[in-house]
Amino acid sequence: MSRYRVIRVLGCNLTCTQLARDVMTDRLVILRRVSRSDPLACRQFAREADLLLKLQGRNAPCVYECLETKDERILVEEYIQGAPAAAASRRQRIEILDELRRILCRIHSLGYLYLDLKEDHLILDGNRLVLIDYDGILETGSRQCFFSTQEMMAPELATDAEKTPAADAW
């Protein structure tokens, strides 16, 4: 892990997210770390890695590598440098909503639900809209309880009801 020099912690829930510099390429990256001793975090980590590897497109961060140490699993992702979608003009927001619909349809077609959709997770990188922060995804049809930002959370997420794409529309 000496290849990545951590600059700062961006947040810690099930996974710990860090901004780091790849000392070999000098590029900024995102490190998503989970403890191997936490089965729930490892399962969520595996979902995130699976979906990001399947998406591999212009609207999701690229995965550079997946690492395992004795104590943790680490996903190394592209750092998206851009402006939050909240800063977009009214005309751009209409285009953003249309692009977001396509992104969510692609995620749904791959058997996943995003479930934590908010403006903070939409970044404009030039003419590219990127959805970031995939640590809240679940498989379509899951009955797992899920908690996201309370004010934005679909009611069925806090129950054992089957989760459907309607939760992303909420």
N, C-alpha and C. Protein backbone atom coordinates (compact mmCIF):
# COMPACT_ATOMS: atom_id res chain seq x y z
N MET A 1 0.81 -1.20 0.00
CA MET A 1 0.00 0.00 0.00
C MET A 1 0.85 1.26 0.00
N SER A 2 2.15 1.12 -0.05
CA SER A 2 3.00 2.30 -0.06
C SER A 2 2.86 3.08 -1.36
N ARG A 3 2.17 2.48 -2.34
CA ARG A 3 1.96 3.17 -3.61
C ARG A 3 1.02 4.37 -3.46
N TYR A 4 0.14 4.35 -2.45
CA TYR A 4 -0.86 5.40 -2.28
C TYR A 4 -0.60 6.19 -1.01
N ARG A 5 -0.49 7.48 -1.15
CA ARG A 5 -0.28 8.36 0.00
C ARG A 5 -1.61 9.06 0.30
N VAL A 6 -2.19 8.76 1.46
CA VAL A 6 -3.48 9.33 1.83
C VAL A 6 -3.32 10.82 2.10
N ILE A 7 -4.21 11.60 1.49
CA ILE A 7 -4.22 13.05 1.67
C ILE A 7 -5.21 13.44 2.77
N ARG A 8 -6.44 12.87 2.67
CA ARG A 8 -7.43 13.14 3.72
C ARG A 8 -8.55 12.11 3.64
N VAL A 9 -9.23 11.96 4.77
CA VAL A 9 -10.40 11.09 4.85
C VAL A 9 -11.60 11.91 4.39
N LEU A 10 -12.39 11.33 3.47
CA LEU A 10 -13.58 12.01 2.96
C LEU A 10 -14.83 11.58 3.71
N GLY A 11 -14.81 10.41 4.30
CA GLY A 11 -15.95 9.93 5.05
C GLY A 11 -15.78 8.47 5.42
N CYS A 12 -16.46 8.07 6.48
CA CYS A 12 -16.42 6.68 6.91
C CYS A 12 -17.80 6.24 7.36
N ASN A 13 -18.35 5.25 6.69
CA ASN A 13 -19.57 4.57 7.10
C ASN A 13 -19.21 3.10 7.12
N LEU A 14 -19.85 2.31 6.26
CA LEU A 14 -19.42 0.92 6.12
C LEU A 14 -18.01 0.85 5.53
N THR A 15 -17.77 1.76 4.59
CA THR A 15 -16.44 1.85 3.99
C THR A 15 -15.82 3.17 4.41
N CYS A 16 -14.51 3.20 4.43
CA CYS A 16 -13.80 4.45 4.69
C CYS A 16 -13.30 4.96 3.34
N THR A 17 -13.65 6.19 3.01
CA THR A 17 -13.30 6.77 1.72
C THR A 17 -12.21 7.81 1.94
N GLN A 18 -11.13 7.67 1.18
CA GLN A 18 -9.99 8.57 1.33
C GLN A 18 -9.56 9.12 -0.03
N LEU A 19 -9.14 10.36 -0.02
CA LEU A 19 -8.47 10.94 -1.18
C LEU A 19 -6.99 10.64 -1.02
N ALA A 20 -6.38 10.13 -2.08
CA ALA A 20 -4.97 9.75 -2.00
C ALA A 20 -4.26 10.11 -3.30
N ARG A 21 -2.95 10.08 -3.24
CA ARG A 21 -2.14 10.30 -4.44
C ARG A 21 -1.41 9.01 -4.76
N ASP A 22 -1.50 8.59 -6.01
CA ASP A 22 -0.76 7.44 -6.50
C ASP A 22 0.65 7.94 -6.77
N VAL A 23 1.62 7.51 -5.97
CA VAL A 23 2.98 8.03 -6.09
C VAL A 23 3.68 7.57 -7.37
N MET A 24 3.17 6.51 -7.99
CA MET A 24 3.78 6.04 -9.25
C MET A 24 3.32 6.87 -10.45
N THR A 25 2.07 7.30 -10.44
CA THR A 25 1.54 8.06 -11.59
C THR A 25 1.31 9.53 -11.26
N ASP A 26 1.36 9.89 -10.00
CA ASP A 26 1.11 11.23 -9.47
C ASP A 26 -0.35 11.68 -9.64
N ARG A 27 -1.25 10.75 -9.92
CA ARG A 27 -2.66 11.15 -10.05
C ARG A 27 -3.38 10.98 -8.72
N LEU A 28 -4.43 11.78 -8.55
CA LEU A 28 -5.28 11.65 -7.38
C LEU A 28 -6.22 10.47 -7.60
N VAL A 29 -6.48 9.73 -6.52
CA VAL A 29 -7.38 8.58 -6.58
C VAL A 29 -8.25 8.58 -5.33
N ILE A 30 -9.29 7.79 -5.39
CA ILE A 30 -10.14 7.54 -4.24
C ILE A 30 -9.85 6.12 -3.76
N LEU A 31 -9.60 5.98 -2.47
CA LEU A 31 -9.44 4.66 -1.86
C LEU A 31 -10.70 4.38 -1.06
N ARG A 32 -11.34 3.24 -1.33
CA ARG A 32 -12.51 2.80 -0.56
C ARG A 32 -12.04 1.57 0.21
N ARG A 33 -12.04 1.65 1.53
CA ARG A 33 -11.46 0.60 2.37
C ARG A 33 -12.52 0.00 3.28
N VAL A 34 -12.46 -1.33 3.41
CA VAL A 34 -13.33 -2.02 4.38
C VAL A 34 -12.50 -3.03 5.15
N SER A 35 -12.91 -3.24 6.38
CA SER A 35 -12.26 -4.24 7.21
C SER A 35 -12.72 -5.63 6.79
N ARG A 36 -11.79 -6.54 6.64
CA ARG A 36 -12.13 -7.91 6.27
C ARG A 36 -12.91 -8.61 7.38
N SER A 37 -12.86 -8.07 8.58
CA SER A 37 -13.56 -8.70 9.70
C SER A 37 -15.04 -8.28 9.78
N ASP A 38 -15.48 -7.39 8.89
CA ASP A 38 -16.86 -6.92 8.88
C ASP A 38 -17.59 -7.52 7.68
N PRO A 39 -18.37 -8.60 7.88
CA PRO A 39 -19.01 -9.26 6.73
C PRO A 39 -19.99 -8.38 5.97
N LEU A 40 -20.74 -7.53 6.66
CA LEU A 40 -21.68 -6.63 6.00
C LEU A 40 -20.95 -5.64 5.10
N ALA A 41 -19.88 -5.06 5.63
CA ALA A 41 -19.09 -4.11 4.83
C ALA A 41 -18.44 -4.81 3.64
N CYS A 42 -17.96 -6.01 3.83
CA CYS A 42 -17.34 -6.75 2.72
C CYS A 42 -18.35 -7.08 1.63
N ARG A 43 -19.57 -7.45 2.04
CA ARG A 43 -20.61 -7.74 1.05
C ARG A 43 -20.97 -6.48 0.26
N GLN A 44 -21.09 -5.35 0.95
CA GLN A 44 -21.40 -4.09 0.28
C GLN A 44 -20.26 -3.68 -0.65
N PHE A 45 -19.03 -3.88 -0.18
CA PHE A 45 -17.84 -3.58 -0.97
C PHE A 45 -17.84 -4.39 -2.26
N ALA A 46 -18.19 -5.67 -2.16
CA ALA A 46 -18.22 -6.55 -3.34
C ALA A 46 -19.29 -6.07 -4.33
N ARG A 47 -20.45 -5.64 -3.83
CA ARG A 47 -21.49 -5.10 -4.71
C ARG A 47 -20.97 -3.88 -5.46
N GLU A 48 -20.35 -2.97 -4.71
CA GLU A 48 -19.85 -1.74 -5.32
C GLU A 48 -18.81 -2.04 -6.39
N ALA A 49 -17.87 -2.89 -6.08
CA ALA A 49 -16.83 -3.23 -7.05
C ALA A 49 -17.44 -3.88 -8.29
N ASP A 50 -18.38 -4.81 -8.08
CA ASP A 50 -19.03 -5.49 -9.19
C ASP A 50 -19.74 -4.50 -10.11
N LEU A 51 -20.53 -3.61 -9.52
CA LEU A 51 -21.27 -2.65 -10.35
C LEU A 51 -20.33 -1.70 -11.07
N LEU A 52 -19.35 -1.15 -10.38
CA LEU A 52 -18.44 -0.21 -11.04
C LEU A 52 -17.67 -0.88 -12.18
N LEU A 53 -17.27 -2.12 -11.98
CA LEU A 53 -16.57 -2.83 -13.05
C LEU A 53 -17.49 -3.08 -14.25
N LYS A 54 -18.77 -3.32 -13.99
CA LYS A 54 -19.73 -3.53 -15.08
C LYS A 54 -20.09 -2.22 -15.78
N LEU A 55 -20.16 -1.13 -15.04
CA LEU A 55 -20.54 0.16 -15.64
C LEU A 55 -19.47 0.69 -16.59
N GLN A 56 -18.22 0.61 -16.19
CA GLN A 56 -17.09 1.09 -16.98
C GLN A 56 -17.48 2.01 -18.12
N GLY A 57 -18.03 3.12 -17.79
CA GLY A 57 -18.43 4.05 -18.83
C GLY A 57 -18.13 5.47 -18.44
N ARG A 58 -18.67 6.38 -19.20
CA ARG A 58 -18.37 7.78 -18.97
C ARG A 58 -19.07 8.34 -17.76
N ASN A 59 -20.04 7.64 -17.19
CA ASN A 59 -20.83 8.19 -16.10
C ASN A 59 -20.52 7.62 -14.72
N ALA A 60 -19.46 6.86 -14.60
CA ALA A 60 -19.07 6.28 -13.31
C ALA A 60 -17.56 6.33 -13.19
N PRO A 61 -17.06 6.42 -11.98
CA PRO A 61 -15.60 6.39 -11.81
C PRO A 61 -15.01 5.07 -12.31
N CYS A 62 -13.85 5.14 -12.93
CA CYS A 62 -13.14 3.93 -13.34
C CYS A 62 -12.53 3.27 -12.11
N VAL A 63 -12.50 1.96 -12.12
CA VAL A 63 -11.81 1.20 -11.07
C VAL A 63 -10.41 0.91 -11.59
N TYR A 64 -9.42 1.35 -10.84
CA TYR A 64 -8.03 1.10 -11.23
C TYR A 64 -7.54 -0.25 -10.73
N GLU A 65 -7.90 -0.58 -9.50
CA GLU A 65 -7.52 -1.89 -8.98
C GLU A 65 -8.29 -2.21 -7.70
N CYS A 66 -8.37 -3.51 -7.42
CA CYS A 66 -8.93 -4.01 -6.16
C CYS A 66 -7.79 -4.71 -5.44
N LEU A 67 -7.59 -4.33 -4.19
CA LEU A 67 -6.48 -4.88 -3.41
C LEU A 67 -7.00 -5.56 -2.16
N GLU A 68 -6.23 -6.52 -1.67
CA GLU A 68 -6.54 -7.17 -0.40
C GLU A 68 -5.29 -7.26 0.42
N THR A 69 -5.42 -6.89 1.68
CA THR A 69 -4.34 -7.09 2.63
C THR A 69 -4.84 -8.08 3.67
N LYS A 70 -4.04 -8.35 4.65
CA LYS A 70 -4.43 -9.25 5.73
C LYS A 70 -5.67 -8.72 6.46
N ASP A 71 -5.79 -7.40 6.57
CA ASP A 71 -6.85 -6.80 7.38
C ASP A 71 -7.97 -6.13 6.61
N GLU A 72 -7.74 -5.77 5.34
CA GLU A 72 -8.75 -4.99 4.65
C GLU A 72 -8.80 -5.26 3.15
N ARG A 73 -9.91 -4.81 2.58
CA ARG A 73 -10.08 -4.81 1.12
C ARG A 73 -10.12 -3.35 0.68
N ILE A 74 -9.50 -3.08 -0.46
CA ILE A 74 -9.35 -1.70 -0.92
C ILE A 74 -9.71 -1.62 -2.40
N LEU A 75 -10.58 -0.69 -2.71
CA LEU A 75 -10.95 -0.40 -4.09
C LEU A 75 -10.31 0.93 -4.45
N VAL A 76 -9.54 0.96 -5.52
CA VAL A 76 -8.88 2.19 -5.96
C VAL A 76 -9.65 2.69 -7.18
N GLU A 77 -10.25 3.89 -7.04
CA GLU A 77 -11.11 4.45 -8.07
C GLU A 77 -10.55 5.76 -8.60
N GLU A 78 -11.02 6.11 -9.77
CA GLU A 78 -10.75 7.40 -10.37
C GLU A 78 -11.30 8.51 -9.46
N TYR A 79 -10.51 9.54 -9.26
CA TYR A 79 -10.99 10.73 -8.55
C TYR A 79 -11.62 11.65 -9.58
N ILE A 80 -12.86 11.99 -9.38
CA ILE A 80 -13.59 12.84 -10.33
C ILE A 80 -13.42 14.29 -9.90
N GLN A 81 -12.72 15.05 -10.72
CA GLN A 81 -12.53 16.47 -10.45
C GLN A 81 -13.53 17.23 -11.30
N GLY A 82 -14.39 17.94 -10.66
CA GLY A 82 -15.39 18.70 -11.40
C GLY A 82 -16.22 19.52 -10.44
N ALA A 83 -17.32 20.01 -10.95
CA ALA A 83 -18.21 20.85 -10.15
C ALA A 83 -19.45 20.05 -9.78
N PRO A 84 -19.99 20.28 -8.60
CA PRO A 84 -21.25 19.61 -8.23
C PRO A 84 -22.36 20.01 -9.21
N ALA A 85 -23.22 19.07 -9.52
CA ALA A 85 -24.32 19.35 -10.46
C ALA A 85 -25.22 20.45 -9.94
N ALA A 86 -25.23 20.68 -8.64
CA ALA A 86 -26.06 21.73 -8.05
C ALA A 86 -25.68 23.11 -8.60
N ALA A 87 -24.46 23.25 -9.10
CA ALA A 87 -24.00 24.54 -9.63
C ALA A 87 -24.42 24.76 -11.08
N ALA A 88 -25.11 23.80 -11.67
CA ALA A 88 -25.49 23.88 -13.09
C ALA A 88 -26.60 24.91 -13.31
N SER A 89 -26.64 25.41 -14.53
CA SER A 89 -27.71 26.34 -14.92
C SER A 89 -29.02 25.57 -15.07
N ARG A 90 -30.11 26.30 -15.17
CA ARG A 90 -31.42 25.66 -15.34
C ARG A 90 -31.46 24.79 -16.60
N ARG A 91 -30.91 25.28 -17.70
CA ARG A 91 -30.86 24.50 -18.95
C ARG A 91 -30.03 23.24 -18.77
N GLN A 92 -28.89 23.36 -18.10
CA GLN A 92 -28.03 22.21 -17.86
C GLN A 92 -28.72 21.18 -16.96
N ARG A 93 -29.52 21.64 -16.01
CA ARG A 93 -30.20 20.73 -15.09
C ARG A 93 -31.17 19.81 -15.84
N ILE A 94 -31.81 20.31 -16.87
CA ILE A 94 -32.71 19.48 -17.67
C ILE A 94 -31.91 18.39 -18.37
N GLU A 95 -30.76 18.76 -18.92
CA GLU A 95 -29.88 17.78 -19.56
C GLU A 95 -29.35 16.78 -18.53
N ILE A 96 -29.02 17.26 -17.35
CA ILE A 96 -28.52 16.40 -16.27
C ILE A 96 -29.57 15.38 -15.88
N LEU A 97 -30.81 15.81 -15.74
CA LEU A 97 -31.89 14.88 -15.38
C LEU A 97 -32.07 13.80 -16.43
N ASP A 98 -31.97 14.18 -17.71
CA ASP A 98 -32.10 13.20 -18.78
C ASP A 98 -30.94 12.20 -18.75
N GLU A 99 -29.73 12.71 -18.54
CA GLU A 99 -28.55 11.83 -18.45
C GLU A 99 -28.64 10.94 -17.21
N LEU A 100 -29.10 11.49 -16.10
CA LEU A 100 -29.26 10.72 -14.87
C LEU A 100 -30.25 9.59 -15.07
N ARG A 101 -31.32 9.86 -15.79
CA ARG A 101 -32.30 8.81 -16.08
C ARG A 101 -31.63 7.66 -16.82
N ARG A 102 -30.79 7.98 -17.80
CA ARG A 102 -30.08 6.94 -18.55
C ARG A 102 -29.12 6.16 -17.64
N ILE A 103 -28.43 6.88 -16.75
CA ILE A 103 -27.49 6.21 -15.83
C ILE A 103 -28.25 5.24 -14.94
N LEU A 104 -29.36 5.70 -14.36
CA LEU A 104 -30.13 4.83 -13.46
C LEU A 104 -30.71 3.64 -14.22
N CYS A 105 -31.17 3.85 -15.44
CA CYS A 105 -31.69 2.73 -16.24
C CYS A 105 -30.60 1.69 -16.47
N ARG A 106 -29.37 2.15 -16.72
CA ARG A 106 -28.25 1.22 -16.92
C ARG A 106 -27.97 0.45 -15.62
N ILE A 107 -27.95 1.15 -14.49
CA ILE A 107 -27.73 0.49 -13.20
C ILE A 107 -28.82 -0.54 -12.95
N HIS A 108 -30.07 -0.17 -13.21
CA HIS A 108 -31.19 -1.10 -13.01
C HIS A 108 -31.08 -2.30 -13.94
N SER A 109 -30.64 -2.07 -15.18
CA SER A 109 -30.52 -3.19 -16.13
C SER A 109 -29.43 -4.18 -15.70
N LEU A 110 -28.51 -3.72 -14.87
CA LEU A 110 -27.45 -4.59 -14.34
C LEU A 110 -27.86 -5.28 -13.04
N GLY A 111 -29.11 -5.02 -12.60
CA GLY A 111 -29.64 -5.71 -11.43
C GLY A 111 -29.40 -5.02 -10.10
N TYR A 112 -29.10 -3.72 -10.16
CA TYR A 112 -28.82 -2.98 -8.93
C TYR A 112 -29.73 -1.76 -8.79
N LEU A 113 -29.82 -1.27 -7.57
CA LEU A 113 -30.50 -0.02 -7.23
C LEU A 113 -29.46 0.90 -6.61
N TYR A 114 -29.50 2.17 -6.94
CA TYR A 114 -28.50 3.11 -6.41
C TYR A 114 -28.85 3.56 -4.98
N LEU A 115 -30.06 3.99 -4.74
CA LEU A 115 -30.68 4.25 -3.44
C LEU A 115 -30.19 5.45 -2.65
N ASP A 116 -29.14 6.12 -3.03
CA ASP A 116 -28.68 7.28 -2.27
C ASP A 116 -28.47 8.47 -3.20
N LEU A 117 -29.45 8.69 -4.04
CA LEU A 117 -29.34 9.73 -5.05
C LEU A 117 -29.53 11.12 -4.45
N LYS A 118 -28.54 11.97 -4.65
CA LYS A 118 -28.61 13.36 -4.21
C LYS A 118 -27.63 14.17 -5.04
N GLU A 119 -27.83 15.48 -5.05
CA GLU A 119 -26.98 16.34 -5.88
C GLU A 119 -25.50 16.19 -5.56
N ASP A 120 -25.16 15.95 -4.30
CA ASP A 120 -23.74 15.81 -3.92
C ASP A 120 -23.07 14.64 -4.63
N HIS A 121 -23.84 13.70 -5.13
CA HIS A 121 -23.28 12.53 -5.79
C HIS A 121 -23.22 12.67 -7.31
N LEU A 122 -23.60 13.84 -7.80
CA LEU A 122 -23.54 14.12 -9.24
C LEU A 122 -22.49 15.19 -9.49
N ILE A 123 -21.47 14.84 -10.28
CA ILE A 123 -20.36 15.74 -10.56
C ILE A 123 -20.29 15.98 -12.07
N LEU A 124 -20.14 17.26 -12.43
CA LEU A 124 -19.92 17.62 -13.83
C LEU A 124 -18.42 17.78 -14.04
N ASP A 125 -17.88 16.93 -14.89
CA ASP A 125 -16.46 16.95 -15.22
C ASP A 125 -16.37 17.30 -16.70
N GLY A 126 -16.30 18.59 -16.98
CA GLY A 126 -16.38 19.05 -18.37
C GLY A 126 -17.78 18.78 -18.88
N ASN A 127 -17.89 18.04 -19.98
CA ASN A 127 -19.22 17.70 -20.52
C ASN A 127 -19.67 16.31 -20.06
N ARG A 128 -19.04 15.79 -19.05
CA ARG A 128 -19.31 14.44 -18.53
C ARG A 128 -20.03 14.55 -17.18
N LEU A 129 -21.18 13.88 -17.06
CA LEU A 129 -21.88 13.78 -15.79
C LEU A 129 -21.48 12.45 -15.16
N VAL A 130 -20.99 12.51 -13.91
CA VAL A 130 -20.51 11.30 -13.24
C VAL A 130 -21.28 11.13 -11.94
N LEU A 131 -21.84 9.95 -11.76
CA LEU A 131 -22.49 9.57 -10.51
C LEU A 131 -21.43 8.90 -9.65
N ILE A 132 -21.20 9.45 -8.46
CA ILE A 132 -20.17 8.93 -7.56
C ILE A 132 -20.83 8.32 -6.32
N ASP A 133 -20.03 7.71 -5.48
CA ASP A 133 -20.44 7.19 -4.17
C ASP A 133 -21.44 6.04 -4.30
N TYR A 134 -20.93 4.87 -4.61
CA TYR A 134 -21.75 3.68 -4.84
C TYR A 134 -21.84 2.77 -3.63
N ASP A 135 -21.52 3.28 -2.44
CA ASP A 135 -21.54 2.39 -1.28
C ASP A 135 -22.94 2.12 -0.74
N GLY A 136 -23.97 2.66 -1.40
CA GLY A 136 -25.33 2.42 -0.94
C GLY A 136 -26.15 1.52 -1.85
N ILE A 137 -25.52 0.87 -2.79
CA ILE A 137 -26.29 0.07 -3.74
C ILE A 137 -26.78 -1.24 -3.13
N LEU A 138 -27.89 -1.71 -3.67
CA LEU A 138 -28.42 -3.04 -3.34
C LEU A 138 -28.86 -3.71 -4.63
N GLU A 139 -28.99 -5.02 -4.57
CA GLU A 139 -29.52 -5.74 -5.72
C GLU A 139 -31.02 -5.48 -5.81
N THR A 140 -31.52 -5.39 -7.03
CA THR A 140 -32.97 -5.28 -7.24
C THR A 140 -33.62 -6.51 -6.61
N GLY A 141 -34.71 -6.28 -5.87
CA GLY A 141 -35.42 -7.38 -5.22
C GLY A 141 -34.95 -7.68 -3.81
N SER A 142 -33.86 -7.04 -3.39
CA SER A 142 -33.35 -7.28 -2.04
C SER A 142 -34.42 -6.90 -1.01
N ARG A 143 -34.41 -7.57 0.12
CA ARG A 143 -35.30 -7.25 1.24
C ARG A 143 -34.51 -6.68 2.41
N GLN A 144 -33.23 -6.41 2.17
CA GLN A 144 -32.38 -5.86 3.22
C GLN A 144 -32.83 -4.45 3.58
N CYS A 145 -32.89 -4.15 4.87
CA CYS A 145 -33.17 -2.77 5.29
C CYS A 145 -31.98 -1.91 4.89
N PHE A 146 -32.27 -0.68 4.54
CA PHE A 146 -31.23 0.21 4.05
C PHE A 146 -31.55 1.61 4.52
N PHE A 147 -30.56 2.29 5.04
CA PHE A 147 -30.78 3.65 5.49
C PHE A 147 -29.85 4.59 4.74
N SER A 148 -30.44 5.62 4.15
CA SER A 148 -29.66 6.64 3.47
C SER A 148 -30.06 7.99 4.08
N THR A 149 -29.86 9.05 3.36
CA THR A 149 -30.21 10.37 3.85
C THR A 149 -31.70 10.40 4.15
N GLN A 150 -32.05 10.56 5.40
CA GLN A 150 -33.42 10.40 5.89
C GLN A 150 -34.44 11.19 5.07
N GLU A 151 -34.15 12.45 4.77
CA GLU A 151 -35.10 13.30 4.06
C GLU A 151 -35.35 12.85 2.63
N MET A 152 -34.43 12.08 2.07
CA MET A 152 -34.53 11.68 0.67
C MET A 152 -34.83 10.20 0.49
N MET A 153 -34.96 9.49 1.59
CA MET A 153 -35.07 8.04 1.54
C MET A 153 -36.49 7.58 1.22
N ALA A 154 -36.62 6.68 0.27
CA ALA A 154 -37.92 6.08 -0.03
C ALA A 154 -38.37 5.30 1.21
N PRO A 155 -39.67 5.38 1.57
CA PRO A 155 -40.15 4.73 2.79
C PRO A 155 -39.87 3.24 2.86
N GLU A 156 -39.92 2.52 1.73
CA GLU A 156 -39.74 1.07 1.75
C GLU A 156 -38.30 0.65 2.10
N LEU A 157 -37.38 1.59 2.07
CA LEU A 157 -35.99 1.22 2.35
C LEU A 157 -35.78 0.82 3.81
N ALA A 158 -36.58 1.38 4.71
CA ALA A 158 -36.42 1.08 6.14
C ALA A 158 -37.18 -0.17 6.57
N THR A 159 -37.78 -0.87 5.62
CA THR A 159 -38.54 -2.08 5.94
C THR A 159 -37.92 -3.27 5.22
N ASP A 160 -38.51 -4.44 5.45
CA ASP A 160 -38.03 -5.62 4.72
C ASP A 160 -38.80 -5.84 3.42
N ALA A 161 -39.44 -4.78 2.92
CA ALA A 161 -40.14 -4.86 1.64
C ALA A 161 -39.14 -5.06 0.51
N GLU A 162 -39.58 -5.70 -0.55
CA GLU A 162 -38.72 -5.89 -1.72
C GLU A 162 -38.38 -4.54 -2.33
N LYS A 163 -37.10 -4.32 -2.60
CA LYS A 163 -36.64 -3.06 -3.16
C LYS A 163 -36.71 -3.12 -4.69
N THR A 164 -37.30 -2.06 -5.26
CA THR A 164 -37.48 -1.99 -6.70
C THR A 164 -36.92 -0.67 -7.22
N PRO A 165 -36.82 -0.50 -8.55
CA PRO A 165 -36.35 0.78 -9.09
C PRO A 165 -37.19 1.98 -8.65
N ALA A 166 -38.40 1.76 -8.16
CA ALA A 166 -39.22 2.87 -7.67
C ALA A 166 -38.52 3.60 -6.52
N ALA A 167 -37.68 2.88 -5.76
CA ALA A 167 -36.95 3.52 -4.67
C ALA A 167 -35.97 4.57 -5.18
N ASP A 168 -35.39 4.35 -6.35
CA ASP A 168 -34.50 5.35 -6.94
C ASP A 168 -35.28 6.55 -7.46
N ALA A 169 -36.52 6.31 -7.90
CA ALA A 169 -37.35 7.39 -8.41
C ALA A 169 -37.81 8.30 -7.29
N TRP A 170 -37.89 7.77 -6.07
CA TRP A 170 -38.36 8.53 -4.92
C TRP A 170 -37.54 9.79 -4.77
